[in-house]
Amino acid sequence: MNKGKIIQVMGPVVDVSFEDGVLPALYNAIHVERDGEKGEKETLVCEVALHLGNNAVRSVAMHSTDGLVRGMEAIDTGAPITVPVGEEVLGRILNVVGDPVDQKTTCRIKGQVEYSPRCSRIQRARYEDGNA
C-alpha cells in the first residue's frame, strides 16, 4: 500500500504528499484513520481529483474533515470507491461510500461496484443526443 501524509486541509479538500513519488491514480480512494466523535476510530474516505505535482495529490473528502491535521497518515487503496450492490441493499439507506446509515443491522454484502463520476459511453451519447 502506498502511504502519504496530509499536507493541507481546506474544507472538504485534502492535499496529500506521497514521498515515494508513486501517486495514486485519479478517482482512487484514499483512507485516513481518525478519532470519531465518540472516541472510536473511523476511516475518512477521500477521492483523488487532481495530481498537483511535487509528489502531491488533491482529493475530496466524502465526510467532514473535522479533526484532520497536517502530518496525518493517508493510505492509497489502489482502487476507486466502491459501493455495495445486490438484493441485500434494496430498501436500505447507504451513504456515498456504501456504509449503512439507516441504523439497521449490517447486512452481508455479496458484491460491490465501482463508484465513479466518469460517465459511460452510452450515457455520454444520450446526453449529446439530448435524450438524457
Protein backbone atom coordinates (compact mmCIF):
# COMPACT_ATOMS: atom_id res chain seq x y z
CA MET A 1 0.00 0.00 0.00
CA ASN A 2 1.12 3.48 -0.89
CA LYS A 3 1.30 5.75 2.18
CA GLY A 4 1.37 9.52 2.29
CA LYS A 5 0.92 12.44 4.67
CA ILE A 6 -1.70 15.17 4.70
CA ILE A 7 -0.10 18.49 3.81
CA GLN A 8 -3.17 20.76 3.66
CA VAL A 9 -6.88 20.73 4.52
CA MET A 10 -9.25 23.36 3.07
CA GLY A 11 -12.86 22.49 3.83
CA PRO A 12 -13.61 19.20 2.02
CA VAL A 13 -10.36 19.41 0.02
CA VAL A 14 -7.43 17.38 1.34
CA ASP A 15 -3.95 17.58 -0.20
CA VAL A 16 -1.72 14.55 0.37
CA SER A 17 2.01 14.15 -0.34
CA PHE A 18 3.45 10.74 -1.24
CA GLU A 19 7.19 10.53 -0.55
CA ASP A 20 7.80 7.50 -2.76
CA GLY A 21 6.86 9.54 -5.82
CA VAL A 22 4.21 6.95 -6.69
CA LEU A 23 0.95 8.87 -6.95
CA PRO A 24 -2.46 7.22 -6.73
CA ALA A 25 -4.48 7.18 -9.94
CA LEU A 26 -7.25 9.71 -10.43
CA TYR A 27 -10.51 8.59 -8.72
CA ASN A 28 -8.62 6.24 -6.36
CA ALA A 29 -9.85 6.12 -2.77
CA ILE A 30 -7.55 7.36 -0.01
CA HIS A 31 -8.26 6.31 3.60
CA VAL A 32 -7.38 8.44 6.62
CA GLU A 33 -7.80 6.96 10.11
CA ARG A 34 -9.03 9.45 12.70
CA ASP A 35 -10.79 9.60 16.05
CA GLY A 36 -14.58 9.76 15.79
CA GLU A 37 -16.97 11.90 17.81
CA LYS A 38 -17.36 9.21 20.48
CA GLY A 39 -13.64 8.41 20.67
CA GLU A 40 -13.79 5.39 18.36
CA LYS A 41 -11.55 5.06 15.31
CA GLU A 42 -13.20 5.85 11.98
CA THR A 43 -11.99 5.92 8.41
CA LEU A 44 -12.41 9.04 6.30
CA VAL A 45 -12.62 8.25 2.60
CA CYS A 46 -11.25 10.76 0.08
CA GLU A 47 -11.25 10.55 -3.72
CA VAL A 48 -8.23 11.70 -5.75
CA ALA A 49 -9.29 14.55 -8.00
CA LEU A 50 -6.02 16.08 -9.24
CA HIS A 51 -2.30 15.45 -9.44
CA LEU A 52 -0.65 18.65 -8.16
CA GLY A 53 2.98 17.84 -8.96
CA ASN A 54 5.81 17.60 -6.41
CA ASN A 55 4.54 14.14 -5.36
CA ALA A 56 1.19 15.53 -4.15
CA VAL A 57 -2.47 14.94 -4.98
CA ARG A 58 -5.63 16.90 -4.26
CA SER A 59 -8.54 14.84 -3.02
CA VAL A 60 -12.15 15.46 -1.99
CA ALA A 61 -13.37 14.09 1.34
CA MET A 62 -16.63 12.15 1.38
CA HIS A 63 -17.37 13.19 5.00
CA SER A 64 -16.49 16.07 7.29
CA THR A 65 -12.79 16.84 7.60
CA ASP A 66 -13.13 17.90 11.25
CA GLY A 67 -10.13 16.72 13.23
CA LEU A 68 -7.75 16.32 10.27
CA VAL A 69 -4.35 17.91 10.74
CA ARG A 70 -1.18 18.14 8.69
CA GLY A 71 1.06 15.13 9.05
CA MET A 72 -1.71 12.53 9.46
CA GLU A 73 -1.13 9.32 7.53
CA ALA A 74 -3.16 8.71 4.37
CA ILE A 75 -3.29 5.35 2.60
CA ASP A 76 -3.92 4.88 -1.12
CA THR A 77 -6.22 1.87 -1.50
CA GLY A 78 -5.15 1.32 -5.10
CA ALA A 79 -8.79 1.21 -6.21
CA PRO A 80 -11.73 3.57 -6.66
CA ILE A 81 -14.52 3.98 -4.11
CA THR A 82 -16.89 1.02 -4.28
CA VAL A 83 -20.47 0.72 -3.11
CA PRO A 84 -22.43 -2.44 -2.28
CA VAL A 85 -24.95 -3.80 -4.76
CA GLY A 86 -27.48 -6.61 -4.75
CA GLU A 87 -30.79 -7.53 -3.19
CA GLU A 88 -29.32 -7.17 0.31
CA VAL A 89 -29.18 -3.38 -0.08
CA LEU A 90 -32.65 -2.88 -1.55
CA GLY A 91 -34.66 -0.69 0.81
CA ARG A 92 -31.57 0.28 2.80
CA ILE A 93 -30.18 3.79 3.20
CA LEU A 94 -26.46 3.99 2.42
CA ASN A 95 -24.11 6.97 2.37
CA VAL A 96 -21.85 7.86 -0.56
CA VAL A 97 -19.19 5.30 0.42
CA GLY A 98 -21.67 2.46 0.96
CA ASP A 99 -21.93 2.49 4.76
CA PRO A 100 -25.46 1.86 6.11
CA VAL A 101 -26.94 4.90 7.84
CA ASP A 102 -30.45 3.56 8.49
CA GLN A 103 -29.49 2.21 11.96
CA LYS A 104 -30.43 -1.34 10.96
CA THR A 105 -28.13 -4.28 11.45
CA THR A 106 -25.37 -4.64 8.91
CA CYS A 107 -26.25 -6.92 6.05
CA ARG A 108 -23.97 -9.31 4.22
CA ILE A 109 -22.86 -7.73 1.00
CA LYS A 110 -22.25 -10.16 -1.85
CA GLY A 111 -20.87 -7.72 -4.40
CA GLN A 112 -19.59 -4.21 -4.86
CA VAL A 113 -19.40 -1.96 -7.88
CA GLU A 114 -17.03 0.93 -8.58
CA TYR A 115 -18.43 4.36 -7.89
CA SER A 116 -17.08 6.81 -10.41
CA PRO A 117 -18.10 10.24 -11.66
CA ARG A 118 -16.96 9.24 -15.11
CA CYS A 119 -19.96 8.50 -17.29
CA SER A 120 -20.17 5.63 -19.72
CA ARG A 121 -20.08 5.96 -23.49
CA ILE A 122 -23.81 5.24 -23.63
CA GLN A 123 -24.65 7.93 -21.06
CA ARG A 124 -22.45 10.42 -22.92
CA ALA A 125 -24.12 9.57 -26.27
CA ARG A 126 -27.60 10.02 -24.75
CA TYR A 127 -26.58 13.39 -23.31
CA GLU A 128 -25.14 14.56 -26.62
CA ASP A 129 -28.31 13.45 -28.46
CA GLY A 130 -30.48 15.33 -25.96
CA ASN A 131 -32.10 12.12 -24.61
CA ALA A 132 -30.57 12.27 -21.13
